[in-house]
N, C-alpha and C. Protein backbone atom coordinates (compact mmCIF):
# COMPACT_ATOMS: atom_id res chain seq x y z
N MET A 1 11.50 -146.97 -57.64
CA MET A 1 11.52 -146.86 -56.11
C MET A 1 10.30 -145.93 -55.51
N VAL A 2 9.89 -146.88 -54.51
CA VAL A 2 8.89 -146.24 -53.86
C VAL A 2 8.98 -144.84 -52.89
N THR A 3 8.20 -143.86 -52.58
CA THR A 3 8.60 -143.32 -51.82
C THR A 3 7.52 -142.23 -50.97
N TYR A 4 7.58 -141.64 -49.80
CA TYR A 4 6.50 -141.12 -49.34
C TYR A 4 6.91 -139.67 -48.97
N ARG A 5 5.91 -138.94 -48.60
CA ARG A 5 6.03 -137.33 -47.92
C ARG A 5 5.59 -137.75 -46.49
N ILE A 6 6.04 -136.78 -45.57
CA ILE A 6 5.55 -136.64 -44.55
C ILE A 6 4.48 -135.36 -44.06
N ASP A 7 3.21 -135.68 -43.92
CA ASP A 7 2.24 -134.85 -44.01
C ASP A 7 2.80 -133.67 -42.48
N PRO A 8 3.02 -132.38 -42.78
CA PRO A 8 3.58 -131.61 -41.56
C PRO A 8 2.42 -131.29 -40.77
N THR A 9 0.86 -131.78 -40.84
CA THR A 9 0.07 -131.50 -40.35
C THR A 9 -0.23 -132.67 -39.47
N SER A 10 -0.43 -134.19 -39.82
CA SER A 10 -0.68 -135.21 -38.85
C SER A 10 0.81 -135.95 -38.81
N LEU A 11 1.71 -135.72 -39.32
CA LEU A 11 2.93 -136.23 -39.12
C LEU A 11 2.95 -137.58 -39.61
N ARG A 12 2.16 -138.11 -40.89
CA ARG A 12 2.16 -139.39 -41.18
C ARG A 12 2.80 -139.26 -42.32
N GLU A 13 3.29 -140.68 -42.78
CA GLU A 13 3.76 -140.92 -44.34
C GLU A 13 2.65 -140.94 -45.19
N VAL A 14 2.78 -140.44 -46.16
CA VAL A 14 1.66 -140.68 -47.63
C VAL A 14 2.73 -140.98 -48.84
N PRO A 15 2.15 -142.15 -49.16
CA PRO A 15 2.53 -142.40 -50.24
C PRO A 15 2.64 -141.63 -51.82
N GLN A 16 3.46 -141.34 -52.45
CA GLN A 16 3.16 -140.89 -53.14
C GLN A 16 2.83 -141.71 -54.41
N ASP A 17 2.93 -142.46 -54.21
CA ASP A 17 2.09 -143.38 -55.70
C ASP A 17 1.82 -144.35 -55.23
N VAL A 18 0.03 -144.36 -54.83
CA VAL A 18 -0.70 -145.67 -54.21
C VAL A 18 -0.35 -146.82 -55.37
N ALA A 19 -0.39 -146.85 -56.34
CA ALA A 19 -0.32 -147.95 -56.73
C ALA A 19 0.93 -148.43 -57.08
N ALA A 20 1.92 -147.83 -57.47
CA ALA A 20 3.41 -148.60 -57.29
C ALA A 20 3.69 -148.79 -55.87
N THR A 21 3.25 -148.35 -55.01
CA THR A 21 3.34 -148.72 -53.54
C THR A 21 2.70 -150.18 -53.17
N TRP A 22 1.69 -150.23 -53.75
CA TRP A 22 0.96 -151.66 -53.86
C TRP A 22 1.91 -152.71 -54.39
N GLU A 23 2.47 -152.35 -55.45
CA GLU A 23 3.39 -153.05 -56.30
C GLU A 23 4.47 -153.38 -55.58
N HIS A 24 4.84 -152.48 -54.95
CA HIS A 24 6.06 -152.91 -54.50
C HIS A 24 5.69 -153.64 -53.03
N VAL A 25 4.67 -153.74 -52.55
CA VAL A 25 4.15 -154.45 -51.51
C VAL A 25 4.20 -156.00 -51.68
N GLU A 26 3.62 -156.35 -53.11
CA GLU A 26 3.62 -157.67 -53.64
C GLU A 26 4.69 -157.83 -53.82
N LEU A 27 5.94 -157.50 -54.52
CA LEU A 27 6.97 -157.84 -54.46
C LEU A 27 7.84 -158.02 -53.09
N LEU A 28 7.57 -157.71 -52.07
CA LEU A 28 8.30 -157.57 -50.93
C LEU A 28 7.67 -159.16 -50.29
N GLU A 29 6.43 -159.17 -50.74
CA GLU A 29 5.50 -160.60 -50.42
C GLU A 29 6.35 -161.82 -51.06
N ARG A 30 6.98 -161.75 -52.16
CA ARG A 30 7.26 -162.80 -52.94
C ARG A 30 8.84 -163.15 -52.51
N ARG A 31 9.40 -161.93 -51.73
CA ARG A 31 10.65 -162.17 -51.42
C ARG A 31 10.75 -162.97 -50.39
N GLY A 32 9.41 -163.29 -49.61
CA GLY A 32 9.66 -163.78 -48.36
C GLY A 32 10.11 -163.23 -46.99
N ALA A 33 10.11 -164.22 -45.67
CA ALA A 33 10.21 -163.32 -44.37
C ALA A 33 10.93 -162.04 -44.21
N ASP A 34 12.17 -162.27 -45.14
CA ASP A 34 13.21 -161.42 -44.89
C ASP A 34 12.63 -160.00 -45.44
N ALA A 35 11.79 -159.67 -46.19
CA ALA A 35 11.44 -158.49 -46.49
C ALA A 35 10.06 -158.13 -45.67
N ASP A 36 9.92 -159.20 -44.55
CA ASP A 36 8.51 -158.62 -43.88
C ASP A 36 8.51 -157.40 -42.98
N GLY A 37 9.92 -156.90 -42.72
CA GLY A 37 10.10 -155.60 -41.72
C GLY A 37 9.68 -154.41 -42.81
N GLU A 38 9.88 -154.61 -43.96
CA GLU A 38 9.90 -153.35 -44.73
C GLU A 38 8.34 -153.20 -45.40
N ARG A 39 7.70 -154.34 -45.49
CA ARG A 39 6.63 -154.94 -46.14
C ARG A 39 5.83 -154.25 -44.79
N VAL A 40 5.77 -154.29 -43.56
CA VAL A 40 5.10 -154.04 -42.32
C VAL A 40 4.64 -152.32 -42.54
N VAL A 41 6.10 -151.58 -43.03
CA VAL A 41 6.00 -150.30 -42.94
C VAL A 41 5.07 -149.84 -44.32
N TRP A 42 5.11 -150.48 -45.30
CA TRP A 42 4.50 -149.88 -46.41
C TRP A 42 3.08 -150.15 -46.30
N LEU A 43 2.66 -151.55 -45.69
CA LEU A 43 1.38 -151.84 -45.29
C LEU A 43 0.64 -150.98 -44.42
N ARG A 44 1.53 -150.33 -43.53
CA ARG A 44 0.77 -149.03 -42.53
C ARG A 44 0.66 -147.73 -43.37
N ILE A 45 1.37 -147.64 -44.04
CA ILE A 45 1.49 -146.38 -44.60
C ILE A 45 0.18 -146.45 -45.49
N LEU A 46 -0.24 -147.41 -46.22
CA LEU A 46 -1.14 -147.76 -47.44
C LEU A 46 -2.36 -148.02 -46.37
N GLY A 47 -2.42 -148.21 -45.15
CA GLY A 47 -3.81 -148.07 -44.30
C GLY A 47 -4.53 -149.65 -44.23
N ALA A 48 -3.50 -150.78 -44.82
CA ALA A 48 -3.83 -152.04 -44.95
C ALA A 48 -3.18 -152.31 -42.99
N PHE A 49 -3.94 -151.72 -41.62
CA PHE A 49 -3.60 -152.18 -40.74
C PHE A 49 -3.68 -153.51 -39.82
N GLY A 50 -4.57 -154.31 -40.45
CA GLY A 50 -4.41 -155.93 -39.86
C GLY A 50 -3.45 -156.64 -40.70
N SER A 51 -3.35 -156.41 -41.91
CA SER A 51 -1.87 -157.20 -42.41
C SER A 51 -0.92 -156.82 -41.67
N ALA A 52 -0.73 -155.51 -41.91
CA ALA A 52 0.28 -155.06 -41.08
C ALA A 52 0.70 -155.33 -39.80
N GLU A 53 -0.49 -155.49 -38.81
CA GLU A 53 -0.31 -155.90 -37.68
C GLU A 53 0.13 -157.36 -37.48
N ARG A 54 -0.60 -158.22 -38.39
CA ARG A 54 -0.43 -159.77 -38.31
C ARG A 54 1.37 -159.92 -38.67
N THR A 55 1.69 -159.07 -39.67
CA THR A 55 3.03 -159.28 -40.35
C THR A 55 3.89 -158.82 -39.15
N ALA A 56 3.64 -157.90 -38.55
CA ALA A 56 4.98 -157.33 -37.51
C ALA A 56 4.58 -158.09 -36.05
N TRP A 57 3.33 -158.98 -35.80
CA TRP A 57 3.94 -160.01 -34.95
C TRP A 57 4.68 -161.06 -35.19
N THR A 58 4.08 -161.50 -36.51
CA THR A 58 5.14 -162.40 -37.03
C THR A 58 6.34 -162.21 -36.77
N ASP A 59 6.83 -161.24 -37.20
CA ASP A 59 8.10 -160.61 -37.74
C ASP A 59 8.97 -160.69 -36.37
N SER A 60 8.50 -160.38 -35.32
CA SER A 60 8.89 -160.15 -33.75
C SER A 60 9.22 -161.48 -33.41
N ALA A 61 8.19 -162.43 -33.30
CA ALA A 61 8.33 -163.76 -33.09
C ALA A 61 9.38 -164.36 -33.42
N ARG A 62 9.83 -164.15 -35.06
CA ARG A 62 10.53 -164.81 -35.74
C ARG A 62 12.21 -164.21 -35.39
N HIS A 63 12.39 -163.18 -34.47
CA HIS A 63 13.39 -162.48 -33.92
C HIS A 63 13.59 -162.59 -32.71
N GLY A 64 12.82 -163.55 -32.10
CA GLY A 64 12.77 -163.85 -30.74
C GLY A 64 12.19 -163.08 -29.44
N GLY A 65 11.31 -162.02 -30.64
CA GLY A 65 10.26 -161.31 -29.14
C GLY A 65 9.18 -161.72 -29.28
N PRO A 66 8.21 -160.92 -28.62
CA PRO A 66 6.84 -161.86 -28.14
C PRO A 66 5.96 -161.81 -29.60
N ALA A 67 4.61 -162.80 -29.23
CA ALA A 67 4.11 -162.72 -30.66
C ALA A 67 2.94 -162.32 -30.29
N THR A 68 2.32 -161.77 -29.03
CA THR A 68 1.38 -161.41 -28.46
C THR A 68 1.47 -160.33 -28.04
N LEU A 69 0.37 -159.03 -27.61
CA LEU A 69 0.24 -158.17 -26.51
C LEU A 69 0.62 -158.53 -25.50
N ASP A 70 0.07 -159.75 -24.71
CA ASP A 70 -0.06 -160.64 -23.47
C ASP A 70 1.83 -160.93 -23.45
N ASP A 71 2.08 -161.36 -24.17
CA ASP A 71 3.70 -161.52 -24.25
C ASP A 71 4.75 -160.59 -24.11
N VAL A 72 4.23 -159.27 -24.37
CA VAL A 72 4.95 -158.04 -24.49
C VAL A 72 5.70 -158.16 -22.62
N PRO A 73 7.08 -158.14 -22.46
CA PRO A 73 7.17 -157.61 -20.83
C PRO A 73 6.78 -156.69 -20.49
N ARG A 74 6.93 -156.48 -19.38
CA ARG A 74 6.25 -155.40 -18.10
C ARG A 74 7.66 -155.14 -17.32
N PRO A 75 7.22 -153.83 -16.89
CA PRO A 75 8.46 -153.79 -15.96
C PRO A 75 8.92 -154.81 -15.04
N GLY A 76 10.07 -155.20 -15.02
CA GLY A 76 10.57 -156.00 -13.79
C GLY A 76 10.76 -157.37 -14.78
N GLY A 77 10.39 -157.59 -15.88
CA GLY A 77 10.08 -158.66 -16.75
C GLY A 77 11.49 -158.73 -17.54
N PRO A 78 11.59 -159.76 -18.33
CA PRO A 78 13.30 -159.99 -18.83
C PRO A 78 12.78 -158.85 -19.99
N ASP A 79 14.18 -158.56 -20.50
CA ASP A 79 14.66 -157.65 -21.71
C ASP A 79 14.27 -158.75 -22.94
N VAL A 80 13.43 -157.46 -23.87
CA VAL A 80 13.36 -158.27 -25.27
C VAL A 80 14.69 -158.03 -25.79
N PRO A 81 14.85 -159.51 -26.52
CA PRO A 81 16.27 -159.16 -27.40
C PRO A 81 16.29 -158.28 -28.34
N ARG A 82 17.81 -157.97 -28.25
CA ARG A 82 18.38 -157.33 -29.46
C ARG A 82 17.44 -157.43 -31.03
N ALA A 83 17.67 -158.30 -31.42
CA ALA A 83 16.82 -158.83 -32.63
C ALA A 83 15.66 -158.32 -32.98
N ALA A 84 14.96 -158.16 -31.94
CA ALA A 84 13.66 -157.95 -31.74
C ALA A 84 13.42 -156.61 -31.60
N TRP A 85 14.18 -155.59 -31.08
CA TRP A 85 13.88 -154.17 -31.00
C TRP A 85 13.14 -153.68 -32.13
N ARG A 86 13.64 -153.70 -33.44
CA ARG A 86 13.12 -152.67 -34.61
C ARG A 86 11.89 -153.50 -35.35
N PRO A 87 11.64 -154.81 -35.17
CA PRO A 87 10.43 -155.35 -35.32
C PRO A 87 9.11 -154.86 -34.69
N LEU A 88 9.60 -154.62 -33.18
CA LEU A 88 8.77 -154.32 -32.19
C LEU A 88 8.52 -152.79 -32.33
N LEU A 89 9.52 -152.01 -32.86
CA LEU A 89 9.18 -150.63 -33.29
C LEU A 89 8.11 -150.40 -34.31
N ARG A 90 8.41 -151.21 -35.07
CA ARG A 90 7.33 -151.29 -36.29
C ARG A 90 6.31 -151.37 -36.07
N LEU A 91 5.90 -152.54 -35.11
CA LEU A 91 4.71 -153.23 -34.51
C LEU A 91 3.70 -151.82 -33.95
N ALA A 92 4.63 -151.09 -33.09
CA ALA A 92 4.49 -150.25 -32.26
C ALA A 92 3.73 -148.66 -33.10
N GLN A 93 4.40 -148.68 -34.29
CA GLN A 93 3.89 -147.46 -35.35
C GLN A 93 2.54 -147.76 -35.58
N VAL A 94 2.11 -149.60 -36.12
CA VAL A 94 1.12 -149.93 -36.64
C VAL A 94 -0.15 -149.74 -35.28
N LEU A 95 0.09 -150.12 -34.39
CA LEU A 95 -0.95 -150.06 -32.90
C LEU A 95 -1.45 -148.49 -32.78
N HIS A 96 0.00 -147.87 -32.94
CA HIS A 96 -0.64 -146.56 -32.87
C HIS A 96 -1.77 -145.98 -33.88
N TRP A 97 -1.17 -146.26 -35.18
CA TRP A 97 -2.12 -145.86 -36.45
C TRP A 97 -3.54 -146.23 -36.44
N ARG A 98 -3.66 -147.65 -35.52
CA ARG A 98 -4.62 -148.20 -35.60
C ARG A 98 -5.64 -147.55 -34.18
N GLY A 99 -5.05 -146.66 -33.67
CA GLY A 99 -5.43 -146.04 -32.43
C GLY A 99 -5.46 -146.27 -31.07
N LEU A 100 -4.59 -147.39 -31.02
CA LEU A 100 -4.13 -148.34 -29.93
C LEU A 100 -3.21 -147.97 -29.17
N LEU A 101 -3.26 -146.55 -28.71
CA LEU A 101 -1.96 -145.82 -28.29
C LEU A 101 -1.30 -146.61 -26.92
N ASP A 102 -2.11 -146.78 -25.92
CA ASP A 102 -1.75 -147.60 -24.99
C ASP A 102 -0.91 -148.49 -24.91
N ASP A 103 -1.44 -149.59 -26.06
CA ASP A 103 -0.56 -150.74 -26.55
C ASP A 103 0.57 -150.58 -26.89
N ALA A 104 0.70 -149.46 -28.01
CA ALA A 104 1.58 -148.92 -28.86
C ALA A 104 2.96 -148.65 -27.51
N ASP A 105 2.46 -147.48 -26.32
CA ASP A 105 3.14 -147.26 -25.33
C ASP A 105 4.07 -148.42 -24.85
N LEU A 106 3.11 -149.41 -24.43
CA LEU A 106 3.54 -151.07 -23.95
C LEU A 106 4.64 -151.44 -24.60
N VAL A 107 4.77 -151.63 -25.74
CA VAL A 107 5.81 -152.18 -26.82
C VAL A 107 6.74 -151.13 -26.62
N VAL A 108 6.65 -150.18 -27.35
CA VAL A 108 7.75 -149.09 -27.06
C VAL A 108 8.65 -149.04 -25.55
N ASP A 109 8.43 -148.98 -24.89
CA ASP A 109 8.34 -149.26 -23.47
C ASP A 109 9.25 -150.19 -23.24
N ALA A 110 8.70 -151.52 -23.81
CA ALA A 110 9.42 -152.47 -23.40
C ALA A 110 10.92 -152.50 -24.22
N VAL A 111 10.91 -152.20 -25.52
CA VAL A 111 11.99 -152.11 -26.29
C VAL A 111 13.31 -150.69 -25.82
N ARG A 112 12.51 -149.52 -25.18
CA ARG A 112 13.32 -148.68 -24.60
C ARG A 112 14.05 -149.32 -23.15
N ARG A 113 13.29 -150.09 -22.47
CA ARG A 113 14.13 -150.85 -21.37
C ARG A 113 15.49 -151.46 -21.70
N ALA A 114 15.02 -152.35 -22.77
CA ALA A 114 15.88 -153.11 -23.19
C ALA A 114 17.25 -152.29 -23.69
N ALA A 115 16.70 -151.84 -24.71
CA ALA A 115 17.71 -150.81 -25.20
C ALA A 115 18.71 -149.96 -23.83
N ARG A 116 18.26 -149.37 -23.28
CA ARG A 116 18.52 -148.66 -22.22
C ARG A 116 19.76 -149.78 -21.40
N ALA A 117 19.01 -150.69 -20.84
CA ALA A 117 20.11 -151.91 -20.28
C ALA A 117 21.47 -152.20 -20.98
N ALA A 118 20.94 -152.39 -22.28
CA ALA A 118 22.32 -153.10 -22.96
C ALA A 118 23.10 -151.80 -23.22
N ALA A 119 22.61 -150.73 -23.24
CA ALA A 119 23.69 -149.52 -23.54
C ALA A 119 24.70 -149.38 -22.41
N VAL A 120 24.46 -149.40 -20.90
CA VAL A 120 25.36 -149.73 -20.10
C VAL A 120 25.70 -150.48 -19.62
N ALA A 121 25.48 -152.06 -20.28
CA ALA A 121 25.71 -153.21 -19.88
C ALA A 121 27.36 -153.18 -19.93
N PRO A 122 28.28 -153.82 -19.10
CA PRO A 122 29.71 -153.76 -19.00
C PRO A 122 30.16 -154.44 -20.13
N ASP A 123 29.87 -155.15 -20.90
CA ASP A 123 30.23 -155.79 -22.00
C ASP A 123 30.15 -154.62 -23.03
N ALA A 124 29.31 -153.74 -23.31
CA ALA A 124 28.92 -152.68 -24.19
C ALA A 124 29.81 -152.10 -25.15
N ASP A 125 30.19 -152.33 -26.26
CA ASP A 125 31.34 -151.78 -26.99
C ASP A 125 30.37 -150.76 -27.78
N ASP A 126 31.17 -149.84 -28.36
CA ASP A 126 30.91 -148.67 -29.29
C ASP A 126 29.58 -148.94 -29.91
N ALA A 127 29.96 -150.41 -30.76
CA ALA A 127 29.06 -150.31 -31.95
C ALA A 127 27.49 -150.57 -31.47
N THR A 128 27.35 -151.14 -30.25
CA THR A 128 26.13 -151.52 -29.41
C THR A 128 25.82 -150.00 -28.98
N ARG A 129 26.62 -149.43 -28.26
CA ARG A 129 26.06 -148.09 -27.71
C ARG A 129 25.25 -147.06 -28.72
N ARG A 130 25.93 -147.01 -30.04
CA ARG A 130 25.36 -146.54 -31.11
C ARG A 130 24.33 -147.06 -31.69
N ASP A 131 24.11 -148.53 -31.72
CA ASP A 131 22.93 -148.96 -32.18
C ASP A 131 21.80 -148.74 -31.06
N CYS A 132 22.01 -148.84 -29.73
CA CYS A 132 20.96 -148.19 -28.92
C CYS A 132 20.62 -146.88 -28.87
N SER A 133 21.38 -146.16 -29.22
CA SER A 133 21.14 -144.54 -29.45
C SER A 133 20.16 -144.56 -30.46
N ALA A 134 20.31 -145.24 -31.30
CA ALA A 134 19.65 -145.14 -32.90
C ALA A 134 17.94 -145.88 -32.38
N VAL A 135 17.96 -146.80 -31.93
CA VAL A 135 16.83 -147.41 -31.31
C VAL A 135 15.76 -146.31 -30.48
N LEU A 136 16.94 -146.07 -29.57
CA LEU A 136 16.13 -144.95 -28.53
C LEU A 136 15.64 -143.50 -29.09
N ALA A 137 16.33 -143.42 -30.07
CA ALA A 137 15.94 -142.23 -31.17
C ALA A 137 14.32 -142.59 -31.67
N PHE A 138 14.42 -143.86 -32.37
CA PHE A 138 13.08 -144.24 -32.72
C PHE A 138 11.97 -144.64 -31.91
N ALA A 139 12.23 -144.71 -30.55
CA ALA A 139 11.45 -144.65 -29.40
C ALA A 139 10.76 -143.35 -29.25
N ASP A 140 11.59 -142.39 -29.17
CA ASP A 140 11.62 -141.33 -28.84
C ASP A 140 10.87 -140.77 -30.04
N GLN A 141 11.03 -140.80 -30.81
CA GLN A 141 10.37 -140.30 -32.08
C GLN A 141 8.70 -141.21 -32.32
N GLY A 142 8.87 -142.28 -32.04
CA GLY A 142 7.49 -142.86 -32.43
C GLY A 142 6.60 -142.68 -30.96
N GLN A 143 7.33 -142.48 -29.84
CA GLN A 143 6.32 -142.16 -28.53
C GLN A 143 5.95 -140.85 -28.89
N GLY A 144 6.72 -139.83 -29.37
CA GLY A 144 5.71 -138.47 -29.60
C GLY A 144 4.91 -138.44 -30.69
N LYS A 145 5.03 -139.11 -31.41
CA LYS A 145 3.64 -138.77 -32.15
C LYS A 145 2.86 -139.31 -31.53
N VAL A 146 2.86 -140.44 -30.94
CA VAL A 146 1.66 -140.86 -29.69
C VAL A 146 0.61 -139.53 -28.96
N ARG A 147 1.99 -139.34 -28.10
CA ARG A 147 1.52 -137.82 -27.40
C ARG A 147 0.97 -136.78 -28.41
N PHE A 148 1.57 -136.57 -29.69
CA PHE A 148 0.82 -135.77 -30.72
C PHE A 148 -0.40 -136.30 -30.88
N ASP A 149 -0.66 -137.31 -31.35
CA ASP A 149 -2.22 -137.88 -31.55
C ASP A 149 -3.29 -137.31 -29.93
N ALA A 150 -2.40 -137.80 -29.07
CA ALA A 150 -3.16 -137.50 -28.08
C ALA A 150 -3.31 -136.10 -27.49
N ARG A 151 -2.75 -135.36 -28.19
CA ARG A 151 -2.89 -133.97 -27.78
C ARG A 151 -2.25 -133.37 -26.66
N ARG A 152 -1.11 -134.03 -26.42
CA ARG A 152 -0.24 -133.67 -25.18
C ARG A 152 0.95 -133.56 -25.68
N TYR A 153 0.96 -131.98 -26.47
CA TYR A 153 2.01 -131.47 -27.19
C TYR A 153 3.10 -131.11 -26.36
N ALA A 154 3.04 -130.74 -25.06
CA ALA A 154 4.55 -130.16 -24.54
C ALA A 154 5.09 -131.97 -24.14
N GLU A 155 4.67 -132.88 -23.95
CA GLU A 155 5.40 -133.95 -23.96
C GLU A 155 6.04 -134.57 -25.42
N ALA A 156 5.39 -134.23 -26.30
CA ALA A 156 5.32 -134.80 -27.62
C ALA A 156 6.83 -133.79 -27.92
N GLN A 157 6.88 -132.68 -27.47
CA GLN A 157 7.91 -131.89 -27.98
C GLN A 157 8.98 -132.18 -27.36
N GLU A 158 9.08 -132.63 -25.83
CA GLU A 158 10.30 -133.07 -25.34
C GLU A 158 10.99 -134.64 -26.09
N LEU A 159 9.87 -135.23 -26.36
CA LEU A 159 10.41 -136.64 -27.02
C LEU A 159 11.02 -136.27 -28.71
N PHE A 160 10.31 -135.35 -29.44
CA PHE A 160 10.68 -134.93 -30.59
C PHE A 160 11.99 -134.76 -30.24
N SER A 161 12.28 -133.47 -29.62
CA SER A 161 13.63 -132.84 -28.87
C SER A 161 14.59 -133.66 -28.78
N SER A 162 14.24 -134.75 -27.99
CA SER A 162 15.44 -135.93 -27.76
C SER A 162 15.65 -136.49 -29.05
N ALA A 163 14.85 -137.04 -29.80
CA ALA A 163 15.03 -137.94 -30.98
C ALA A 163 16.03 -136.83 -31.66
N LEU A 164 15.72 -135.64 -32.06
CA LEU A 164 16.29 -134.92 -33.07
C LEU A 164 18.13 -134.92 -32.40
N GLU A 165 17.89 -134.59 -31.11
CA GLU A 165 19.33 -134.35 -30.37
C GLU A 165 20.21 -135.52 -30.64
N ARG A 166 19.10 -136.49 -30.47
CA ARG A 166 20.33 -138.31 -30.65
C ARG A 166 20.65 -138.01 -32.15
N ARG A 167 19.79 -138.00 -33.01
CA ARG A 167 20.10 -138.16 -34.59
C ARG A 167 20.91 -137.34 -34.96
N SER A 168 20.93 -135.98 -34.28
CA SER A 168 22.20 -135.13 -34.85
C SER A 168 23.40 -135.53 -34.43
N LEU A 169 23.49 -135.62 -33.35
CA LEU A 169 24.86 -135.98 -32.30
C LEU A 169 25.24 -137.39 -32.96
N ASP A 170 24.12 -138.44 -33.76
CA ASP A 170 25.11 -139.96 -33.95
C ASP A 170 25.08 -139.94 -35.08
N GLY A 171 24.80 -138.70 -36.22
CA GLY A 171 25.14 -138.51 -37.59
C GLY A 171 24.15 -139.48 -38.24
N ALA A 172 22.91 -139.36 -37.86
CA ALA A 172 22.02 -140.09 -38.80
C ALA A 172 21.55 -139.82 -39.74
N PRO A 173 21.03 -140.58 -40.78
CA PRO A 173 20.58 -140.10 -41.98
C PRO A 173 19.70 -138.98 -41.74
N VAL A 174 20.00 -138.40 -43.11
CA VAL A 174 19.26 -137.08 -43.41
C VAL A 174 17.80 -136.83 -43.26
N ASP A 175 17.25 -138.00 -43.46
CA ASP A 175 15.87 -138.00 -43.74
C ASP A 175 15.05 -138.01 -42.22
N GLN A 176 16.21 -138.92 -41.47
CA GLN A 176 15.71 -138.92 -40.04
C GLN A 176 15.46 -137.87 -39.31
N VAL A 177 16.64 -137.37 -39.12
CA VAL A 177 16.84 -135.94 -38.76
C VAL A 177 15.62 -134.80 -39.20
N GLU A 178 15.58 -134.96 -40.31
CA GLU A 178 14.61 -134.05 -41.21
C GLU A 178 13.16 -134.62 -40.45
N ALA A 179 12.54 -135.81 -40.32
CA ALA A 179 11.40 -135.97 -39.91
C ALA A 179 11.40 -135.60 -38.47
N SER A 180 12.70 -135.77 -37.43
CA SER A 180 12.54 -135.24 -36.33
C SER A 180 12.48 -133.59 -36.01
N ARG A 181 12.84 -132.94 -37.09
CA ARG A 181 12.68 -131.57 -37.09
C ARG A 181 11.38 -131.09 -37.81
N ILE A 182 10.46 -131.83 -38.53
CA ILE A 182 9.35 -131.66 -38.56
C ILE A 182 8.31 -131.87 -37.55
N ALA A 183 8.79 -132.63 -36.82
CA ALA A 183 7.47 -133.28 -35.66
C ALA A 183 7.75 -132.50 -34.68
N LEU A 184 9.15 -132.15 -34.74
CA LEU A 184 9.30 -130.71 -33.45
C LEU A 184 8.38 -129.38 -33.68
N ALA A 185 8.90 -128.94 -35.13
CA ALA A 185 8.11 -127.83 -35.16
C ALA A 185 6.80 -127.85 -35.27
N ALA A 186 6.04 -129.13 -35.82
CA ALA A 186 4.61 -129.25 -35.58
C ALA A 186 4.13 -129.34 -34.11
N ALA A 187 4.84 -129.98 -33.05
CA ALA A 187 4.55 -130.01 -31.68
C ALA A 187 4.69 -128.68 -31.33
N THR A 188 5.68 -128.02 -31.46
CA THR A 188 5.83 -126.68 -30.88
C THR A 188 4.84 -125.70 -31.28
N ALA A 189 4.26 -125.77 -32.52
CA ALA A 189 3.32 -125.07 -33.00
C ALA A 189 1.73 -125.48 -32.35
N ARG A 190 1.56 -126.73 -32.27
CA ARG A 190 0.48 -126.89 -31.42
C ARG A 190 0.29 -126.76 -30.04
N ALA A 191 1.77 -127.03 -29.34
CA ALA A 191 1.36 -126.42 -27.89
C ALA A 191 1.63 -124.54 -27.81
N ALA A 192 1.96 -124.02 -28.90
CA ALA A 192 1.85 -122.55 -28.61
C ALA A 192 0.34 -122.22 -28.85
N ASP A 193 -0.43 -122.95 -29.78
CA ASP A 193 -1.54 -122.71 -29.97
C ASP A 193 -2.48 -122.81 -28.65
N ALA A 194 -2.23 -124.46 -28.32
CA ALA A 194 -2.82 -124.66 -27.17
C ALA A 194 -2.72 -123.69 -25.83
N SER A 195 -1.54 -122.80 -25.85
CA SER A 195 -1.33 -122.31 -24.53
C SER A 195 -2.14 -121.01 -24.78
N VAL A 196 -2.36 -120.43 -26.18
CA VAL A 196 -2.71 -119.26 -26.58
C VAL A 196 -4.51 -119.36 -25.97
N GLY A 197 -5.11 -120.66 -26.56
CA GLY A 197 -6.08 -121.25 -26.27
C GLY A 197 -6.83 -121.23 -24.91
N ALA A 198 -5.69 -121.61 -23.88
CA ALA A 198 -6.07 -121.70 -22.74
C ALA A 198 -6.27 -120.30 -22.11
N VAL A 199 -4.85 -119.43 -22.63
CA VAL A 199 -5.47 -117.94 -22.01
C VAL A 199 -6.12 -117.25 -22.23
N GLY A 200 -7.17 -117.74 -23.70
CA GLY A 200 -8.06 -116.71 -24.20
C GLY A 200 -9.56 -117.47 -23.13
N ALA A 201 -9.49 -118.46 -22.79
CA ALA A 201 -10.50 -119.49 -22.21
C ALA A 201 -10.87 -119.06 -20.51
N ARG A 202 -9.92 -118.29 -20.36
CA ARG A 202 -9.48 -117.74 -18.94
C ARG A 202 -11.13 -116.78 -18.82
């Protein structure tokens, strides 16, 4: 089983064994389209951003979502279908790592609007609301990392704190809760350093 660690400085996933991870990616490719979601994650972690982005767009379209950035719904447009939420969040992570922060925000915001609307829909049951909450936690975590890389640490803190609260209340997997804790600690430290620097520069 391939694994990664989270670098507490950059908040990026780092593969524990690069060669084994590439072998895993090749295995996923042989499994076909059903494994594309996981393949996007590992391609991103390995730094194969072009392949990761192409696969992510294809996976989004396969699940009824947009196939290009121009197709991503803007505010006031139609909601992206639920099946495309997670493919789009994986895509947003790739865009983020490519340095396309505004594009990553655009994609995450489309998912966030759809999940919020679905959570308060009259026919939403408990399972739907739990799923929406999990997706919103991923959205907060992802956008928190975008703000972190943009050095907007106070905003990153708020987003990581929201993700941690959701994940803790929802009983999310331990690794997700821990990822939010690590991210919140890093953003809090950076915000404190930035505040001290600002005072010292006066």
